[in-house]
């Protein structure tokens, strides 16, 4: 096991349900300094686990374990932290409670403050749903978070993004083997169908037009890419876990809490951290226009689109070296400011 488990105790969620003996999986890199002011929080993304974040951590990189103490917390529902697949009855499987990004960040805050005694964070950063959690950190703990760098993600799930995810969900749950979440063996047909729906969204039209799946990633044909990359991506994952995280994503909203009472502009305006908001220039479900609105309503934010035809995958998980270099350079710039 290359990660640790933080026992967060009984966690009462926004939904009113309680996760008893809530477990938060996490991995750290580097050493926390005596002042406890060199920690970076780097949350995981939809279906990803901590190891899927490690491409952005390394000696000489912005997230340098020789300089910083980097904490990668695993999202609730991702199979390592408390999830449908590992929670005992009666909250097992499809009975696992609905989790918000707010719930995730409150548990992460408990880890950061309670376990490590950290009160200042030089940076919170993340890709996709990691970006959603990054925005939450900035909005919920403005006095603690000095800088944020959400990339290829948003502070609130857009209506269009919600609809895209409905298609993904419908493909998965249409498999008879899914059995309303009480499946005895994995709903393979549903997982493969879900992967194919997702394939049309993860990369841009230009990516496919330029045949980068073949010419750069080395797949032998478009069908080979759909099976080997996309179906291979989702087949190892638990269906109920995927649906839990999908629900979290669809309800993503930094204003949906007692602090902001649903006022999205107010929540954005409260993010005092210096922010580099980095959408993918060709991201099909987190478009630059949505990020531009966020930046326009944040007091200390800069909009920096990632100039890439890799769509959503411009932001990860380390798929295109050119995009990785761009991101790393911007993170260095932000940390130096």
Protein backbone atom coordinates (compact mmCIF):
# COMPACT_ATOMS: atom_id res chain seq x y z
CA UNK A 1 0.00 0.00 0.00
CA UNK A 2 1.58 3.28 -1.13
CA UNK A 3 -0.86 5.54 0.73
CA UNK A 4 -2.14 6.27 4.23
CA UNK A 5 -5.63 6.34 5.73
CA UNK A 6 -6.94 9.19 7.86
CA UNK A 7 -9.85 8.26 10.10
CA UNK A 8 -12.13 11.27 9.96
CA UNK A 9 -14.62 9.82 12.45
CA UNK A 10 -18.34 10.22 11.89
CA UNK A 11 -18.89 12.73 9.10
CA UNK A 12 -22.32 14.34 8.77
CA UNK A 13 -22.84 15.22 5.10
CA UNK A 14 -24.74 18.05 3.45
CA UNK A 15 -27.39 15.46 2.52
CA UNK A 16 -28.05 14.75 6.21
CA UNK A 17 -26.60 11.24 6.05
CA UNK A 18 -23.58 10.22 8.13
CA UNK A 19 -20.52 8.28 7.00
CA UNK A 20 -19.48 6.45 10.15
CA UNK A 21 -15.74 5.90 10.59
CA UNK A 22 -15.15 7.90 7.42
CA UNK A 23 -11.84 7.01 5.81
CA UNK A 24 -9.83 9.46 3.73
CA UNK A 25 -7.00 7.89 1.73
CA UNK A 26 -4.08 10.19 0.94
CA UNK A 27 -0.47 10.16 -0.16
CA UNK A 28 2.21 12.71 0.69
CA UNK A 29 5.47 13.74 -0.95
CA UNK A 30 8.28 15.72 0.67
CA UNK A 31 8.52 16.94 4.26
CA UNK A 32 6.42 19.42 6.20
CA UNK A 33 8.71 22.17 7.42
CA UNK A 34 8.87 23.46 11.01
CA UNK A 35 6.71 26.48 10.21
CA UNK A 36 4.17 24.19 8.54
CA UNK A 37 3.81 26.67 5.69
CA UNK A 38 5.08 24.63 2.71
CA UNK A 39 2.09 22.33 2.11
CA UNK A 40 0.28 21.98 -1.21
CA UNK A 41 -3.08 20.22 -1.51
CA UNK A 42 -3.65 18.48 -4.86
CA UNK A 43 -7.05 16.66 -4.93
CA UNK A 44 -7.94 13.80 -7.27
CA UNK A 45 -10.40 13.84 -10.21
CA UNK A 46 -13.36 11.86 -11.54
CA UNK A 47 -12.53 8.14 -11.24
CA UNK A 48 -8.85 8.93 -10.54
CA UNK A 49 -6.81 7.92 -7.50
CA UNK A 50 -3.71 9.50 -5.94
CA UNK A 51 -1.29 7.63 -8.22
CA UNK A 52 -3.03 9.22 -11.22
CA UNK A 53 -1.93 12.65 -9.93
CA UNK A 54 1.75 11.85 -9.56
CA UNK A 55 2.73 12.97 -13.10
CA UNK A 56 2.74 16.60 -11.90
CA UNK A 57 5.00 15.92 -8.88
CA UNK A 58 8.78 15.67 -9.20
CA UNK A 59 12.21 17.11 -8.42
CA UNK A 60 12.73 20.33 -10.33
CA UNK A 61 9.01 20.63 -11.09
CA UNK A 62 6.67 23.20 -9.55
CA UNK A 63 5.34 20.54 -7.17
CA UNK A 64 8.83 19.72 -5.97
CA UNK A 65 9.00 17.37 -2.96
CA UNK A 66 12.41 18.85 -2.10
CA UNK A 67 10.66 22.19 -1.42
CA UNK A 68 7.04 21.40 -0.67
CA UNK A 69 4.96 18.95 1.35
CA UNK A 70 2.45 17.75 -1.23
CA UNK A 71 -0.77 16.12 -0.03
CA UNK A 72 -2.88 14.20 -2.55
CA UNK A 73 -6.23 13.37 -0.90
CA UNK A 74 -8.37 10.72 -2.57
CA UNK A 75 -11.93 11.81 -3.27
CA UNK A 76 -14.73 10.14 -1.33
CA UNK A 77 -16.23 7.52 -3.62
CA UNK A 78 -13.02 6.79 -5.55
CA UNK A 79 -12.54 3.29 -4.16
CA UNK A 80 -9.73 4.10 -1.70
CA UNK A 81 -11.43 6.65 0.56
CA UNK A 82 -14.89 5.71 1.89
CA UNK A 83 -16.84 4.53 -1.16
CA UNK A 84 -19.76 2.32 -2.19
CA UNK A 85 -17.29 -0.49 -2.92
CA UNK A 86 -15.67 -0.54 0.54
CA UNK A 87 -18.34 0.68 2.97
CA UNK A 88 -19.99 -1.98 5.16
CA UNK A 89 -23.74 -2.53 5.24
CA UNK A 90 -26.16 -0.80 5.43
CA UNK A 91 -24.53 2.10 3.52
CA UNK A 92 -22.86 -0.20 0.97
CA UNK A 93 -23.27 -0.20 -2.83
CA UNK A 94 -26.09 1.98 -4.15
CA UNK A 95 -27.07 2.87 -0.55
CA UNK A 96 -23.84 4.86 -0.18
CA UNK A 97 -24.82 8.46 0.63
CA UNK A 98 -24.68 11.36 -1.78
CA UNK A 99 -21.44 13.30 -1.45
CA UNK A 100 -20.81 16.94 -2.44
CA UNK A 101 -17.52 18.63 -3.23
CA UNK A 102 -18.14 20.63 -0.05
CA UNK A 103 -18.24 17.35 1.93
CA UNK A 104 -14.96 16.26 0.32
CA UNK A 105 -13.16 19.49 1.14
CA UNK A 106 -14.43 19.58 4.73
CA UNK A 107 -12.95 16.11 5.30
CA UNK A 108 -9.70 17.15 3.57
CA UNK A 109 -9.56 20.25 5.80
CA UNK A 110 -9.89 17.97 8.82
CA UNK A 111 -6.87 15.98 7.58
CA UNK A 112 -4.78 19.08 6.81
CA UNK A 113 -5.51 20.87 10.10
CA UNK A 114 -6.18 17.98 12.48
CA UNK A 115 -3.53 15.50 11.40
CA UNK A 116 -0.79 17.90 10.27
CA UNK A 117 -1.57 21.14 12.14
CA UNK A 118 -1.35 23.17 8.93
CA UNK A 119 -3.00 26.62 8.95
CA UNK A 120 -1.54 28.12 5.75
CA UNK A 121 -1.52 26.62 2.26
CA UNK A 122 0.72 28.24 -0.37
CA UNK A 123 -1.23 26.44 -3.12
CA UNK A 124 -4.21 24.23 -3.86
CA UNK A 125 -4.36 22.88 -7.40
CA UNK A 126 -6.18 20.18 -9.35
CA UNK A 127 -7.49 18.95 -12.69
CA UNK A 128 -11.16 18.51 -13.59
CA UNK A 129 -13.03 17.51 -10.42
CA UNK A 130 -9.76 18.32 -8.67
CA UNK A 131 -10.31 21.87 -9.96
CA UNK A 132 -13.85 21.85 -8.50
CA UNK A 133 -12.35 20.97 -5.10
CA UNK A 134 -9.64 23.61 -5.59
CA UNK A 135 -12.29 26.31 -6.08
CA UNK A 136 -14.04 25.04 -2.94
CA UNK A 137 -10.84 25.35 -0.91
CA UNK A 138 -10.48 28.95 -2.10
CA UNK A 139 -14.10 29.85 -1.32
CA UNK A 140 -14.44 28.00 1.99
CA UNK A 141 -11.07 28.85 3.51
CA UNK A 142 -9.96 32.18 2.00
CA UNK A 143 -7.83 33.07 5.02
CA UNK A 144 -5.87 29.84 4.74
CA UNK A 145 -5.34 29.41 0.99
CA UNK A 146 -2.82 31.80 -0.59
CA UNK A 147 -2.97 30.61 -4.21
CA UNK A 148 -5.17 28.37 -6.29
CA UNK A 149 -4.61 26.89 -9.75
CA UNK A 150 -7.71 25.04 -10.95
CA UNK A 151 -7.11 23.62 -14.44
CA UNK A 152 -9.67 22.19 -16.87
CA UNK A 153 -12.46 22.45 -14.35
CA UNK A 154 -15.08 24.79 -12.94
CA UNK A 155 -16.42 26.26 -9.70
CA UNK A 156 -19.94 25.11 -10.61
CA UNK A 157 -21.18 22.34 -12.88
CA UNK A 158 -22.78 24.01 -15.90
CA UNK A 159 -26.16 22.90 -17.22
CA UNK A 160 -24.50 21.61 -20.40
CA UNK A 161 -21.94 19.65 -18.35
CA UNK A 162 -24.83 18.18 -16.33
CA UNK A 163 -26.51 16.99 -19.54
CA UNK A 164 -23.29 15.39 -20.87
CA UNK A 165 -23.02 13.44 -17.62
CA UNK A 166 -26.64 12.30 -17.88
CA UNK A 167 -25.64 10.54 -21.11
CA UNK A 168 -22.70 8.86 -19.41
CA UNK A 169 -24.90 7.75 -16.51
CA UNK A 170 -27.69 6.46 -18.78
CA UNK A 171 -25.24 4.30 -20.76
CA UNK A 172 -23.90 2.69 -17.60
CA UNK A 173 -27.20 2.07 -15.85
CA UNK A 174 -28.99 0.72 -18.95
CA UNK A 175 -27.04 -2.54 -18.63
CA UNK A 176 -29.43 -5.16 -17.19
CA UNK A 177 -26.48 -6.56 -15.20
CA UNK A 178 -26.31 -3.22 -13.32
CA UNK A 179 -29.39 -4.38 -11.37
CA UNK A 180 -30.08 -0.95 -9.83
CA UNK A 181 -26.60 -1.03 -8.32
CA UNK A 182 -26.91 -4.45 -6.67
CA UNK A 183 -24.85 -6.18 -9.39
CA UNK A 184 -23.28 -9.53 -8.60
CA UNK A 185 -20.61 -9.15 -11.29
CA UNK A 186 -19.46 -5.96 -12.95
CA UNK A 187 -21.85 -4.49 -15.55
CA UNK A 188 -19.26 -4.77 -18.31
CA UNK A 189 -21.60 -3.81 -21.17
CA UNK A 190 -22.61 -0.65 -19.33
CA UNK A 191 -19.02 0.28 -18.51
CA UNK A 192 -17.99 -0.18 -22.14
CA UNK A 193 -20.96 1.89 -23.34
CA UNK A 194 -20.15 4.62 -20.84
CA UNK A 195 -16.57 4.68 -22.10
CA UNK A 196 -17.74 5.23 -25.69
CA UNK A 197 -20.03 8.09 -24.69
CA UNK A 198 -17.15 9.67 -22.80
CA UNK A 199 -14.77 9.24 -25.74
CA UNK A 200 -16.60 11.90 -27.72
CA UNK A 201 -16.07 14.45 -24.96
CA UNK A 202 -12.63 13.84 -23.44
CA UNK A 203 -10.64 14.94 -26.50
CA UNK A 204 -11.42 17.72 -28.95
CA UNK A 205 -12.64 17.52 -32.55
CA UNK A 206 -9.20 18.76 -33.65
CA UNK A 207 -7.50 15.95 -31.70
CA UNK A 208 -9.49 13.39 -33.68
CA UNK A 209 -9.18 15.28 -36.96
CA UNK A 210 -5.37 15.31 -36.60
CA UNK A 211 -5.48 11.59 -35.72
CA UNK A 212 -3.40 12.11 -32.57
CA UNK A 213 -4.85 8.90 -31.14
CA UNK A 214 -2.81 7.09 -33.82
CA UNK A 215 0.04 9.47 -34.65
CA UNK A 216 0.94 10.53 -31.10
CA UNK A 217 -0.56 8.01 -28.69
CA UNK A 218 0.31 5.07 -30.93
CA UNK A 219 -3.01 3.25 -31.23
CA UNK A 220 -3.43 1.27 -34.45
CA UNK A 221 -6.87 2.63 -35.40
CA UNK A 222 -9.78 4.67 -34.06
CA UNK A 223 -11.51 1.47 -32.94
CA UNK A 224 -8.31 0.35 -31.20
CA UNK A 225 -8.29 3.70 -29.34
CA UNK A 226 -11.93 3.32 -28.31
CA UNK A 227 -11.39 -0.19 -26.96
CA UNK A 228 -7.84 -0.08 -25.60
CA UNK A 229 -7.81 3.47 -24.23
CA UNK A 230 -11.42 4.32 -23.38
CA UNK A 231 -12.96 0.94 -22.51
CA UNK A 232 -9.70 0.02 -20.81
CA UNK A 233 -9.94 3.23 -18.77
CA UNK A 234 -13.37 2.50 -17.26
CA UNK A 235 -13.59 -1.32 -17.12
CA UNK A 236 -11.42 -1.72 -13.98
CA UNK A 237 -13.55 0.78 -12.03
CA UNK A 238 -16.54 0.04 -9.82
CA UNK A 239 -19.86 1.20 -11.29
CA UNK A 240 -21.35 2.46 -8.01
CA UNK A 241 -18.15 4.37 -7.26
CA UNK A 242 -18.36 6.01 -10.70
CA UNK A 243 -21.98 6.99 -10.10
CA UNK A 244 -21.21 8.43 -6.67
CA UNK A 245 -18.47 10.65 -8.10
CA UNK A 246 -20.70 11.57 -11.05
CA UNK A 247 -23.38 12.77 -8.63
CA UNK A 248 -20.73 14.82 -6.80
CA UNK A 249 -19.64 16.38 -10.09
CA UNK A 250 -23.17 17.22 -11.25
CA UNK A 251 -23.94 19.01 -7.97
CA UNK A 252 -20.62 20.85 -7.93
CA UNK A 253 -21.22 24.45 -6.80
CA UNK A 254 -19.00 26.53 -4.49
CA UNK A 255 -22.07 28.55 -3.40
CA UNK A 256 -24.21 25.57 -2.35
CA UNK A 257 -23.58 25.89 1.39
CA UNK A 258 -24.53 28.01 4.40
CA UNK A 259 -21.59 30.37 3.77
CA UNK A 260 -22.95 31.66 0.45
CA UNK A 261 -26.58 30.52 0.33
CA UNK A 262 -26.48 29.76 -3.38
CA UNK A 263 -25.04 33.15 -4.43
CA UNK A 264 -22.44 32.07 -7.00
CA UNK A 265 -21.04 35.56 -7.64
CA UNK A 266 -20.65 36.15 -3.90
CA UNK A 267 -18.77 32.86 -3.51
CA UNK A 268 -16.43 33.71 -6.41
CA UNK A 269 -15.87 37.17 -4.96
CA UNK A 270 -14.81 35.65 -1.64
CA UNK A 271 -11.87 33.78 -3.21
CA UNK A 272 -9.06 36.13 -2.21
CA UNK A 273 -6.28 33.69 -3.14
CA UNK A 274 -4.13 34.64 -6.09
CA UNK A 275 -5.64 32.47 -8.80
CA UNK A 276 -4.47 31.14 -12.14
CA UNK A 277 -7.60 29.70 -13.73
CA UNK A 278 -6.45 27.48 -16.60
CA UNK A 279 -9.12 26.03 -18.89
CA UNK A 280 -8.17 23.89 -21.87
CA UNK A 281 -8.58 26.00 -25.01
CA UNK A 282 -10.47 23.15 -26.70
CA UNK A 283 -12.11 21.52 -23.65
CA UNK A 284 -15.61 20.46 -24.71
CA UNK A 285 -17.19 20.43 -21.26
CA UNK A 286 -15.26 23.09 -19.34
CA UNK A 287 -15.18 25.81 -22.03
CA UNK A 288 -13.02 28.94 -21.71
CA UNK A 289 -16.16 31.12 -21.56
CA UNK A 290 -17.20 29.53 -18.26
CA UNK A 291 -13.76 30.15 -16.78
CA UNK A 292 -13.83 33.75 -18.06
CA UNK A 293 -17.05 34.36 -16.11
CA UNK A 294 -15.46 32.95 -12.96
CA UNK A 295 -12.32 35.06 -13.35
CA UNK A 296 -14.39 38.22 -13.99
CA UNK A 297 -16.05 37.71 -10.61
CA UNK A 298 -12.89 36.84 -8.63
CA UNK A 299 -10.82 39.66 -7.09
CA UNK A 300 -7.34 38.25 -7.74
CA UNK A 301 -7.60 35.91 -10.70
CA UNK A 302 -5.96 35.57 -14.11
CA UNK A 303 -7.41 33.59 -17.01
CA UNK A 304 -4.76 31.43 -18.70
CA UNK A 305 -6.18 29.06 -21.34
CA UNK A 306 -3.95 26.05 -22.09
CA UNK A 307 -3.15 26.34 -25.83
CA UNK A 308 -3.82 22.75 -26.79
CA UNK A 309 -6.00 20.65 -29.09
CA UNK A 310 -6.04 17.83 -26.52
CA UNK A 311 -9.40 18.98 -25.18
CA UNK A 312 -10.07 18.12 -21.55
CA UNK A 313 -6.96 15.95 -21.51
CA UNK A 314 -4.74 19.02 -21.90
CA UNK A 315 -4.97 19.01 -18.11
CA UNK A 316 -4.06 15.42 -17.43
CA UNK A 317 -3.31 12.81 -16.48
CA UNK A 318 0.08 13.64 -17.97
CA UNK A 319 -1.01 12.49 -21.43
CA UNK A 320 0.65 15.21 -23.54
CA UNK A 321 4.20 16.31 -22.53
CA UNK A 322 3.80 19.75 -24.15
CA UNK A 323 0.75 20.50 -22.02
CA UNK A 324 2.48 19.16 -18.89
CA UNK A 325 5.39 21.57 -19.50
CA UNK A 326 2.99 24.50 -19.98
CA UNK A 327 1.11 23.71 -16.76
CA UNK A 328 4.29 23.18 -14.77
CA UNK A 329 5.72 26.51 -15.96
CA UNK A 330 2.54 28.38 -14.93
CA UNK A 331 2.51 26.68 -11.54
CA UNK A 332 6.15 27.72 -10.98
CA UNK A 333 5.25 31.29 -11.96
CA UNK A 334 2.29 31.33 -9.57
CA UNK A 335 4.27 29.87 -6.67
CA UNK A 336 7.06 32.42 -7.23
CA UNK A 337 4.62 35.36 -7.12
